[in-house]
């Protein structure tokens, strides 16, 4: 993998997410999340350059003013397509977006499945270690159950990542 490509993705994601914060008590910088998603993939032996670059960029279209065309121009069609695969349509109600994530998960490309797995693992880890400050226990529990529904549709993609998710899922349920 060309490290320059990954660094360009980090640079763009940092710029696009620069004013965003996570929902945790500390209001940590949002960019920590896409970095964590990409790092998790790399730590588990994922070398797919599309998945790694898309992991860094996975929330840019959904949560910033970034366009698909911008990603195509900077990173190529394959990366942009992968990001689009894991991007929710914000014009839909939240409940419908969550349903669609479950419905579409099994039909994603392998690269997008890897990004989705790592994203849900990181989100679950955050729910356990530093949950959103304003989320009551019931909302956190519902999120954990929904994550499992998404991940169950991705089974067979990466046994190592799936085991990691299962470990976090069990911790979250306690």
N, C-alpha and C. Protein backbone atom coordinates (compact mmCIF):
# COMPACT_ATOMS: atom_id res chain seq x y z
N UNK A 1 0.83 -1.18 0.00
CA UNK A 1 0.00 0.00 0.00
C UNK A 1 0.88 1.24 0.00
N UNK A 2 0.46 2.21 -0.77
CA UNK A 2 1.19 3.47 -0.84
C UNK A 2 0.87 4.30 0.40
N UNK A 3 1.85 4.50 1.30
CA UNK A 3 1.56 5.26 2.52
C UNK A 3 1.12 6.69 2.23
N UNK A 4 1.54 7.24 1.08
CA UNK A 4 1.14 8.61 0.73
C UNK A 4 -0.38 8.70 0.56
N UNK A 5 -0.98 7.65 0.02
CA UNK A 5 -2.44 7.62 -0.16
C UNK A 5 -3.15 7.65 1.19
N UNK A 6 -2.67 6.85 2.11
CA UNK A 6 -3.27 6.81 3.44
C UNK A 6 -3.08 8.14 4.17
N UNK A 7 -1.92 8.73 4.02
CA UNK A 7 -1.67 10.04 4.65
C UNK A 7 -2.54 11.13 4.04
N UNK A 8 -2.76 11.06 2.72
CA UNK A 8 -3.67 12.04 2.09
C UNK A 8 -5.09 11.85 2.61
N UNK A 9 -5.49 10.61 2.82
CA UNK A 9 -6.83 10.34 3.36
C UNK A 9 -6.93 10.89 4.79
N UNK A 10 -5.90 10.68 5.58
CA UNK A 10 -5.90 11.22 6.95
C UNK A 10 -5.96 12.74 6.94
N UNK A 11 -5.22 13.33 6.01
CA UNK A 11 -5.23 14.79 5.91
C UNK A 11 -6.63 15.30 5.56
N UNK A 12 -7.27 14.68 4.56
CA UNK A 12 -8.60 15.12 4.17
C UNK A 12 -9.62 14.88 5.28
N UNK A 13 -9.59 13.69 5.88
CA UNK A 13 -10.53 13.40 6.96
C UNK A 13 -10.34 14.36 8.13
N UNK A 14 -9.09 14.68 8.46
CA UNK A 14 -8.82 15.63 9.55
C UNK A 14 -9.39 17.01 9.24
N UNK A 15 -9.23 17.43 8.01
CA UNK A 15 -9.76 18.71 7.59
C UNK A 15 -11.29 18.71 7.64
N UNK A 16 -11.90 17.67 7.11
CA UNK A 16 -13.36 17.61 7.03
C UNK A 16 -14.02 17.47 8.40
N UNK A 17 -13.38 16.74 9.31
CA UNK A 17 -13.96 16.50 10.64
C UNK A 17 -13.42 17.47 11.70
N UNK A 18 -12.66 18.49 11.29
CA UNK A 18 -11.93 19.32 12.23
C UNK A 18 -12.78 19.98 13.32
N UNK A 19 -14.01 20.30 13.03
CA UNK A 19 -14.86 20.97 14.02
C UNK A 19 -15.83 20.03 14.72
N UNK A 20 -15.69 18.74 14.47
CA UNK A 20 -16.62 17.76 15.04
C UNK A 20 -16.03 17.11 16.28
N UNK A 21 -16.92 16.73 17.18
CA UNK A 21 -16.55 16.05 18.41
C UNK A 21 -17.37 14.79 18.57
N UNK A 22 -16.83 13.82 19.26
CA UNK A 22 -17.57 12.60 19.60
C UNK A 22 -18.58 12.94 20.69
N UNK A 23 -19.49 12.03 20.95
CA UNK A 23 -20.55 12.28 21.93
C UNK A 23 -20.16 11.87 23.34
N UNK A 24 -18.91 11.43 23.54
CA UNK A 24 -18.47 10.99 24.86
C UNK A 24 -18.36 12.16 25.83
N UNK A 25 -18.19 11.83 27.10
CA UNK A 25 -18.10 12.83 28.17
C UNK A 25 -17.00 13.86 27.87
N UNK A 26 -15.88 13.40 27.32
CA UNK A 26 -14.74 14.29 27.07
C UNK A 26 -14.89 15.09 25.78
N UNK A 27 -15.91 14.75 24.98
CA UNK A 27 -16.09 15.39 23.67
C UNK A 27 -14.79 15.31 22.86
N UNK A 28 -14.27 14.10 22.74
CA UNK A 28 -13.00 13.90 22.05
C UNK A 28 -13.12 14.26 20.58
N UNK A 29 -12.00 14.61 19.95
CA UNK A 29 -12.03 14.98 18.53
C UNK A 29 -12.59 13.83 17.68
N UNK A 30 -13.48 14.15 16.77
CA UNK A 30 -14.12 13.12 15.95
C UNK A 30 -13.11 12.32 15.14
N UNK A 31 -12.05 12.95 14.68
CA UNK A 31 -11.07 12.28 13.82
C UNK A 31 -10.48 11.05 14.49
N UNK A 32 -10.51 11.00 15.82
CA UNK A 32 -10.02 9.81 16.52
C UNK A 32 -10.76 8.56 16.08
N UNK A 33 -12.05 8.70 15.75
CA UNK A 33 -12.85 7.53 15.37
C UNK A 33 -12.39 6.93 14.03
N UNK A 34 -12.34 7.68 12.93
CA UNK A 34 -11.89 7.05 11.69
C UNK A 34 -10.46 6.52 11.76
N UNK A 35 -9.61 7.20 12.54
CA UNK A 35 -8.25 6.69 12.72
C UNK A 35 -8.30 5.35 13.44
N UNK A 36 -9.13 5.25 14.46
CA UNK A 36 -9.27 3.99 15.21
C UNK A 36 -9.79 2.87 14.32
N UNK A 37 -10.72 3.18 13.43
CA UNK A 37 -11.28 2.17 12.53
C UNK A 37 -10.19 1.63 11.60
N UNK A 38 -9.42 2.52 11.00
CA UNK A 38 -8.33 2.09 10.11
C UNK A 38 -7.25 1.35 10.89
N UNK A 39 -6.92 1.84 12.07
CA UNK A 39 -5.89 1.19 12.88
C UNK A 39 -6.32 -0.22 13.28
N UNK A 40 -7.56 -0.39 13.62
CA UNK A 40 -8.07 -1.72 13.99
C UNK A 40 -7.91 -2.70 12.83
N UNK A 41 -8.24 -2.26 11.63
CA UNK A 41 -8.05 -3.12 10.46
C UNK A 41 -6.58 -3.50 10.31
N UNK A 42 -5.71 -2.52 10.37
CA UNK A 42 -4.28 -2.78 10.20
C UNK A 42 -3.74 -3.70 11.30
N UNK A 43 -4.20 -3.49 12.52
CA UNK A 43 -3.74 -4.32 13.64
C UNK A 43 -4.18 -5.78 13.49
N UNK A 44 -5.20 -6.01 12.71
CA UNK A 44 -5.69 -7.37 12.52
C UNK A 44 -5.31 -7.93 11.14
N UNK A 45 -4.23 -7.38 10.59
CA UNK A 45 -3.65 -7.95 9.39
C UNK A 45 -4.35 -7.60 8.09
N UNK A 46 -5.26 -6.65 8.12
CA UNK A 46 -5.94 -6.24 6.89
C UNK A 46 -5.01 -5.31 6.13
N UNK A 47 -4.68 -5.70 4.90
CA UNK A 47 -3.77 -4.90 4.07
C UNK A 47 -4.47 -4.35 2.83
N UNK A 48 -5.75 -4.60 2.69
CA UNK A 48 -6.54 -4.12 1.56
C UNK A 48 -6.49 -2.59 1.53
N UNK A 49 -5.81 -2.00 0.54
CA UNK A 49 -5.67 -0.54 0.53
C UNK A 49 -7.00 0.19 0.41
N UNK A 50 -7.94 -0.39 -0.30
CA UNK A 50 -9.26 0.26 -0.43
C UNK A 50 -9.93 0.32 0.94
N UNK A 51 -9.92 -0.78 1.67
CA UNK A 51 -10.54 -0.81 2.99
C UNK A 51 -9.85 0.15 3.95
N UNK A 52 -8.53 0.20 3.93
CA UNK A 52 -7.80 1.07 4.87
C UNK A 52 -8.06 2.55 4.58
N UNK A 53 -8.01 2.93 3.32
CA UNK A 53 -8.26 4.34 2.98
C UNK A 53 -9.73 4.68 3.22
N UNK A 54 -10.64 3.78 2.83
CA UNK A 54 -12.06 4.03 3.05
C UNK A 54 -12.39 4.09 4.54
N UNK A 55 -11.68 3.33 5.36
CA UNK A 55 -11.91 3.39 6.80
C UNK A 55 -11.65 4.79 7.34
N UNK A 56 -10.57 5.40 6.87
CA UNK A 56 -10.25 6.76 7.30
C UNK A 56 -11.31 7.75 6.83
N UNK A 57 -11.86 7.49 5.66
CA UNK A 57 -12.81 8.43 5.04
C UNK A 57 -14.27 8.04 5.24
N UNK A 58 -14.54 6.97 5.99
CA UNK A 58 -15.88 6.35 5.96
C UNK A 58 -17.02 7.25 6.40
N UNK A 59 -16.76 8.28 7.19
CA UNK A 59 -17.84 9.18 7.63
C UNK A 59 -17.83 10.54 6.93
N UNK A 60 -16.95 10.73 5.97
CA UNK A 60 -16.83 12.06 5.37
C UNK A 60 -18.07 12.46 4.58
N UNK A 61 -18.61 11.56 3.79
CA UNK A 61 -19.80 11.93 3.00
C UNK A 61 -21.01 12.06 3.91
N UNK A 62 -21.14 11.14 4.84
CA UNK A 62 -22.31 11.12 5.73
C UNK A 62 -22.33 12.31 6.71
N UNK A 63 -21.17 12.69 7.22
CA UNK A 63 -21.14 13.66 8.32
C UNK A 63 -20.50 15.00 7.99
N UNK A 64 -20.07 15.20 6.74
CA UNK A 64 -19.46 16.48 6.37
C UNK A 64 -20.00 16.88 4.99
N UNK A 65 -19.46 17.92 4.44
CA UNK A 65 -19.89 18.39 3.12
C UNK A 65 -19.17 17.69 1.98
N UNK A 66 -18.38 16.68 2.29
CA UNK A 66 -17.63 15.95 1.27
C UNK A 66 -18.57 15.28 0.28
N UNK A 67 -18.21 15.32 -0.98
CA UNK A 67 -19.03 14.66 -2.01
C UNK A 67 -18.32 13.42 -2.53
N UNK A 68 -19.11 12.57 -3.15
CA UNK A 68 -18.57 11.36 -3.78
C UNK A 68 -17.55 11.77 -4.85
N UNK A 69 -17.89 12.80 -5.61
CA UNK A 69 -17.02 13.27 -6.68
C UNK A 69 -15.66 13.72 -6.14
N UNK A 70 -15.68 14.36 -4.99
CA UNK A 70 -14.44 14.80 -4.35
C UNK A 70 -13.56 13.59 -4.02
N UNK A 71 -14.18 12.53 -3.50
CA UNK A 71 -13.42 11.33 -3.15
C UNK A 71 -12.91 10.62 -4.40
N UNK A 72 -13.72 10.59 -5.46
CA UNK A 72 -13.27 9.97 -6.72
C UNK A 72 -12.03 10.72 -7.23
N UNK A 73 -12.10 12.04 -7.23
CA UNK A 73 -10.98 12.84 -7.75
C UNK A 73 -9.71 12.63 -6.92
N UNK A 74 -9.86 12.52 -5.62
CA UNK A 74 -8.68 12.42 -4.75
C UNK A 74 -8.17 11.00 -4.55
N UNK A 75 -9.08 10.01 -4.58
CA UNK A 75 -8.69 8.65 -4.18
C UNK A 75 -9.13 7.57 -5.15
N UNK A 76 -9.86 7.94 -6.18
CA UNK A 76 -10.28 6.96 -7.17
C UNK A 76 -11.67 6.39 -6.91
N UNK A 77 -12.19 5.76 -7.94
CA UNK A 77 -13.54 5.21 -7.92
C UNK A 77 -13.73 4.14 -6.85
N UNK A 78 -12.76 3.25 -6.70
CA UNK A 78 -12.92 2.12 -5.77
C UNK A 78 -13.07 2.59 -4.33
N UNK A 79 -12.25 3.54 -3.91
CA UNK A 79 -12.34 4.08 -2.55
C UNK A 79 -13.66 4.82 -2.37
N UNK A 80 -14.02 5.66 -3.34
CA UNK A 80 -15.28 6.41 -3.24
C UNK A 80 -16.47 5.46 -3.17
N UNK A 81 -16.45 4.42 -3.98
CA UNK A 81 -17.54 3.44 -3.97
C UNK A 81 -17.65 2.75 -2.61
N UNK A 82 -16.52 2.40 -2.04
CA UNK A 82 -16.51 1.75 -0.73
C UNK A 82 -17.08 2.67 0.35
N UNK A 83 -16.65 3.93 0.33
CA UNK A 83 -17.19 4.90 1.30
C UNK A 83 -18.70 5.03 1.12
N UNK A 84 -19.14 5.11 -0.12
CA UNK A 84 -20.59 5.23 -0.37
C UNK A 84 -21.36 4.01 0.12
N UNK A 85 -20.76 2.84 0.01
CA UNK A 85 -21.42 1.63 0.48
C UNK A 85 -21.72 1.67 1.98
N UNK A 86 -20.87 2.33 2.75
CA UNK A 86 -21.07 2.37 4.20
C UNK A 86 -21.66 3.69 4.68
N UNK A 87 -22.13 4.50 3.74
CA UNK A 87 -22.71 5.80 4.06
C UNK A 87 -24.22 5.72 4.15
N UNK A 88 -24.76 6.21 5.26
CA UNK A 88 -26.21 6.28 5.43
C UNK A 88 -26.77 7.45 4.64
N UNK A 89 -27.99 7.30 4.18
CA UNK A 89 -28.72 8.37 3.51
C UNK A 89 -29.39 9.21 4.59
N UNK A 90 -28.81 10.36 4.88
CA UNK A 90 -29.29 11.22 5.96
C UNK A 90 -30.67 11.83 5.70
N UNK A 91 -31.18 11.66 4.48
CA UNK A 91 -32.53 12.18 4.20
C UNK A 91 -33.61 11.24 4.74
N UNK A 92 -33.21 10.03 5.12
CA UNK A 92 -34.16 9.05 5.66
C UNK A 92 -34.24 9.16 7.18
N UNK A 93 -35.38 8.76 7.74
CA UNK A 93 -35.47 8.74 9.21
C UNK A 93 -34.45 7.77 9.81
N UNK A 94 -34.01 8.06 11.01
CA UNK A 94 -32.96 7.28 11.66
C UNK A 94 -33.32 5.79 11.75
N UNK A 95 -34.53 5.47 12.12
CA UNK A 95 -34.93 4.06 12.23
C UNK A 95 -34.81 3.34 10.89
N UNK A 96 -35.18 4.02 9.81
CA UNK A 96 -35.08 3.40 8.49
C UNK A 96 -33.62 3.22 8.09
N UNK A 97 -32.78 4.19 8.42
CA UNK A 97 -31.35 4.06 8.12
C UNK A 97 -30.76 2.85 8.83
N UNK A 98 -31.17 2.64 10.07
CA UNK A 98 -30.67 1.50 10.84
C UNK A 98 -31.16 0.18 10.22
N UNK A 99 -32.41 0.14 9.79
CA UNK A 99 -32.94 -1.06 9.13
C UNK A 99 -32.15 -1.35 7.85
N UNK A 100 -31.88 -0.31 7.08
CA UNK A 100 -31.15 -0.49 5.82
C UNK A 100 -29.73 -0.99 6.05
N UNK A 101 -29.09 -0.56 7.13
CA UNK A 101 -27.76 -1.07 7.41
C UNK A 101 -27.79 -2.59 7.58
N UNK A 102 -28.80 -3.09 8.28
CA UNK A 102 -28.93 -4.53 8.47
C UNK A 102 -29.23 -5.20 7.13
N UNK A 103 -30.18 -4.65 6.39
CA UNK A 103 -30.59 -5.24 5.11
C UNK A 103 -29.47 -5.27 4.09
N UNK A 104 -28.65 -4.24 4.05
CA UNK A 104 -27.61 -4.12 3.02
C UNK A 104 -26.28 -4.77 3.40
N UNK A 105 -26.08 -5.06 4.67
CA UNK A 105 -24.77 -5.51 5.14
C UNK A 105 -24.24 -6.72 4.38
N UNK A 106 -25.07 -7.71 4.15
CA UNK A 106 -24.62 -8.94 3.49
C UNK A 106 -24.24 -8.71 2.03
N UNK A 107 -24.69 -7.61 1.45
CA UNK A 107 -24.48 -7.35 0.03
C UNK A 107 -23.34 -6.38 -0.25
N UNK A 108 -22.65 -5.95 0.79
CA UNK A 108 -21.53 -5.02 0.62
C UNK A 108 -20.34 -5.73 -0.01
N UNK A 109 -19.46 -4.95 -0.63
CA UNK A 109 -18.19 -5.51 -1.13
C UNK A 109 -17.37 -5.96 0.08
N UNK A 110 -16.36 -6.79 -0.16
CA UNK A 110 -15.51 -7.25 0.94
C UNK A 110 -14.85 -6.06 1.65
N UNK A 111 -14.36 -5.10 0.89
CA UNK A 111 -13.72 -3.93 1.51
C UNK A 111 -14.70 -3.19 2.41
N UNK A 112 -15.91 -2.97 1.94
CA UNK A 112 -16.92 -2.27 2.73
C UNK A 112 -17.31 -3.08 3.97
N UNK A 113 -17.38 -4.40 3.83
CA UNK A 113 -17.68 -5.24 4.99
C UNK A 113 -16.61 -5.09 6.06
N UNK A 114 -15.35 -5.03 5.64
CA UNK A 114 -14.27 -4.86 6.60
C UNK A 114 -14.39 -3.51 7.32
N UNK A 115 -14.68 -2.47 6.58
CA UNK A 115 -14.86 -1.14 7.18
C UNK A 115 -16.03 -1.17 8.15
N UNK A 116 -17.14 -1.76 7.75
CA UNK A 116 -18.33 -1.83 8.59
C UNK A 116 -18.04 -2.61 9.87
N UNK A 117 -17.36 -3.74 9.75
CA UNK A 117 -16.98 -4.53 10.94
C UNK A 117 -16.15 -3.69 11.91
N UNK A 118 -15.11 -3.07 11.40
CA UNK A 118 -14.22 -2.29 12.26
C UNK A 118 -14.95 -1.09 12.86
N UNK A 119 -15.82 -0.47 12.10
CA UNK A 119 -16.59 0.67 12.60
C UNK A 119 -17.48 0.25 13.77
N UNK A 120 -18.18 -0.87 13.61
CA UNK A 120 -19.07 -1.32 14.67
C UNK A 120 -18.26 -1.77 15.91
N UNK A 121 -17.12 -2.39 15.70
CA UNK A 121 -16.28 -2.77 16.84
C UNK A 121 -15.83 -1.53 17.60
N UNK A 122 -15.37 -0.53 16.88
CA UNK A 122 -14.92 0.71 17.53
C UNK A 122 -16.08 1.40 18.25
N UNK A 123 -17.24 1.42 17.62
CA UNK A 123 -18.40 2.03 18.28
C UNK A 123 -18.79 1.27 19.54
N UNK A 124 -18.75 -0.05 19.46
CA UNK A 124 -19.08 -0.86 20.62
C UNK A 124 -18.06 -0.64 21.74
N UNK A 125 -16.80 -0.58 21.38
CA UNK A 125 -15.75 -0.31 22.36
C UNK A 125 -16.00 1.04 23.04
N UNK A 126 -16.40 2.03 22.24
CA UNK A 126 -16.69 3.35 22.80
C UNK A 126 -17.91 3.32 23.72
N UNK A 127 -18.91 2.54 23.37
CA UNK A 127 -20.10 2.41 24.22
C UNK A 127 -19.70 1.83 25.58
N UNK A 128 -18.75 0.91 25.57
CA UNK A 128 -18.29 0.28 26.81
C UNK A 128 -17.40 1.23 27.62
N UNK A 129 -16.39 1.81 26.95
CA UNK A 129 -15.35 2.57 27.64
C UNK A 129 -15.68 4.04 27.87
N UNK A 130 -16.38 4.65 26.95
CA UNK A 130 -16.70 6.08 27.08
C UNK A 130 -18.00 6.38 26.32
N UNK A 131 -19.11 5.95 26.89
CA UNK A 131 -20.40 6.09 26.19
C UNK A 131 -20.80 7.55 25.99
N UNK A 132 -21.66 7.77 25.01
CA UNK A 132 -22.18 9.13 24.84
C UNK A 132 -22.77 9.64 26.16
N UNK A 133 -22.42 10.84 26.50
CA UNK A 133 -22.79 11.40 27.80
C UNK A 133 -24.30 11.43 28.02
N UNK A 134 -25.06 11.65 26.96
CA UNK A 134 -26.51 11.81 27.13
C UNK A 134 -27.31 10.56 26.78
N UNK A 135 -26.64 9.41 26.61
CA UNK A 135 -27.35 8.18 26.28
C UNK A 135 -27.68 7.41 27.54
N UNK A 136 -28.97 7.22 27.81
CA UNK A 136 -29.33 6.39 28.96
C UNK A 136 -28.97 4.92 28.68
N UNK A 137 -28.97 4.11 29.73
CA UNK A 137 -28.58 2.70 29.62
C UNK A 137 -29.41 1.99 28.55
N UNK A 138 -30.69 2.22 28.49
CA UNK A 138 -31.57 1.54 27.53
C UNK A 138 -31.13 1.84 26.09
N UNK A 139 -30.80 3.06 25.80
CA UNK A 139 -30.36 3.42 24.45
C UNK A 139 -29.05 2.72 24.12
N UNK A 140 -28.14 2.65 25.07
CA UNK A 140 -26.87 1.96 24.85
C UNK A 140 -27.12 0.47 24.59
N UNK A 141 -28.01 -0.13 25.38
CA UNK A 141 -28.33 -1.55 25.20
C UNK A 141 -28.95 -1.79 23.83
N UNK A 142 -29.86 -0.93 23.42
CA UNK A 142 -30.49 -1.06 22.10
C UNK A 142 -29.45 -0.95 20.99
N UNK A 143 -28.49 -0.05 21.15
CA UNK A 143 -27.45 0.11 20.15
C UNK A 143 -26.59 -1.15 20.05
N UNK A 144 -26.27 -1.73 21.18
CA UNK A 144 -25.45 -2.95 21.21
C UNK A 144 -26.17 -4.08 20.47
N UNK A 145 -27.45 -4.24 20.72
CA UNK A 145 -28.23 -5.29 20.06
C UNK A 145 -28.30 -5.03 18.56
N UNK A 146 -28.52 -3.79 18.17
CA UNK A 146 -28.58 -3.44 16.75
C UNK A 146 -27.24 -3.71 16.06
N UNK A 147 -26.14 -3.37 16.73
CA UNK A 147 -24.81 -3.65 16.16
C UNK A 147 -24.67 -5.13 15.85
N UNK A 148 -25.12 -5.97 16.75
CA UNK A 148 -25.02 -7.42 16.53
C UNK A 148 -25.84 -7.83 15.31
N UNK A 149 -27.00 -7.23 15.11
CA UNK A 149 -27.81 -7.54 13.93
C UNK A 149 -27.04 -7.21 12.65
N UNK A 150 -26.35 -6.08 12.63
CA UNK A 150 -25.54 -5.70 11.47
C UNK A 150 -24.40 -6.70 11.29
N UNK A 151 -23.67 -6.96 12.35
CA UNK A 151 -22.51 -7.84 12.28
C UNK A 151 -22.91 -9.26 11.87
N UNK A 152 -24.04 -9.72 12.34
CA UNK A 152 -24.48 -11.07 11.96
C UNK A 152 -24.65 -11.21 10.45
N UNK A 153 -24.95 -10.12 9.77
CA UNK A 153 -25.07 -10.13 8.31
C UNK A 153 -23.72 -10.09 7.61
N UNK A 154 -22.67 -9.82 8.37
CA UNK A 154 -21.31 -9.73 7.81
C UNK A 154 -20.48 -10.97 8.10
N UNK A 155 -21.05 -11.93 8.80
CA UNK A 155 -20.30 -13.13 9.21
C UNK A 155 -19.67 -13.82 8.00
N UNK A 156 -18.43 -14.28 8.22
CA UNK A 156 -17.69 -14.93 7.15
C UNK A 156 -16.71 -14.00 6.47
N UNK A 157 -16.69 -12.75 6.87
CA UNK A 157 -15.79 -11.76 6.25
C UNK A 157 -14.40 -11.82 6.85
N UNK A 158 -14.33 -11.82 8.18
CA UNK A 158 -13.04 -11.84 8.88
C UNK A 158 -13.24 -12.50 10.24
N UNK A 159 -12.89 -13.78 10.36
CA UNK A 159 -13.07 -14.46 11.65
C UNK A 159 -12.42 -13.72 12.82
N UNK A 160 -11.24 -13.15 12.61
CA UNK A 160 -10.56 -12.45 13.70
C UNK A 160 -11.36 -11.22 14.16
N UNK A 161 -11.83 -10.42 13.21
CA UNK A 161 -12.62 -9.24 13.57
C UNK A 161 -13.97 -9.64 14.17
N UNK A 162 -14.54 -10.71 13.66
CA UNK A 162 -15.82 -11.17 14.20
C UNK A 162 -15.66 -11.65 15.64
N UNK A 163 -14.55 -12.34 15.95
CA UNK A 163 -14.28 -12.76 17.33
C UNK A 163 -14.10 -11.54 18.23
N UNK A 164 -13.40 -10.54 17.72
CA UNK A 164 -13.21 -9.31 18.50
C UNK A 164 -14.55 -8.65 18.77
N UNK A 165 -15.40 -8.58 17.75
CA UNK A 165 -16.74 -8.02 17.97
C UNK A 165 -17.47 -8.82 19.04
N UNK A 166 -17.44 -10.14 18.92
CA UNK A 166 -18.16 -10.99 19.88
C UNK A 166 -17.66 -10.76 21.31
N UNK A 167 -16.34 -10.59 21.46
CA UNK A 167 -15.78 -10.29 22.79
C UNK A 167 -16.32 -8.97 23.33
N UNK A 168 -16.33 -7.95 22.48
CA UNK A 168 -16.85 -6.65 22.90
C UNK A 168 -18.35 -6.73 23.17
N UNK A 169 -19.05 -7.47 22.35
CA UNK A 169 -20.49 -7.63 22.55
C UNK A 169 -20.79 -8.24 23.90
N UNK A 170 -20.05 -9.28 24.26
CA UNK A 170 -20.27 -9.91 25.57
C UNK A 170 -19.96 -8.93 26.71
N UNK A 171 -18.89 -8.16 26.57
CA UNK A 171 -18.56 -7.14 27.58
C UNK A 171 -19.65 -6.10 27.68
N UNK A 172 -20.20 -5.70 26.55
CA UNK A 172 -21.23 -4.64 26.54
C UNK A 172 -22.53 -5.11 27.16
N UNK A 173 -22.79 -6.38 27.10
CA UNK A 173 -24.04 -6.92 27.63
C UNK A 173 -24.01 -7.09 29.14
N UNK A 174 -22.84 -6.97 29.74
CA UNK A 174 -22.72 -7.17 31.20
C UNK A 174 -23.10 -5.93 31.96
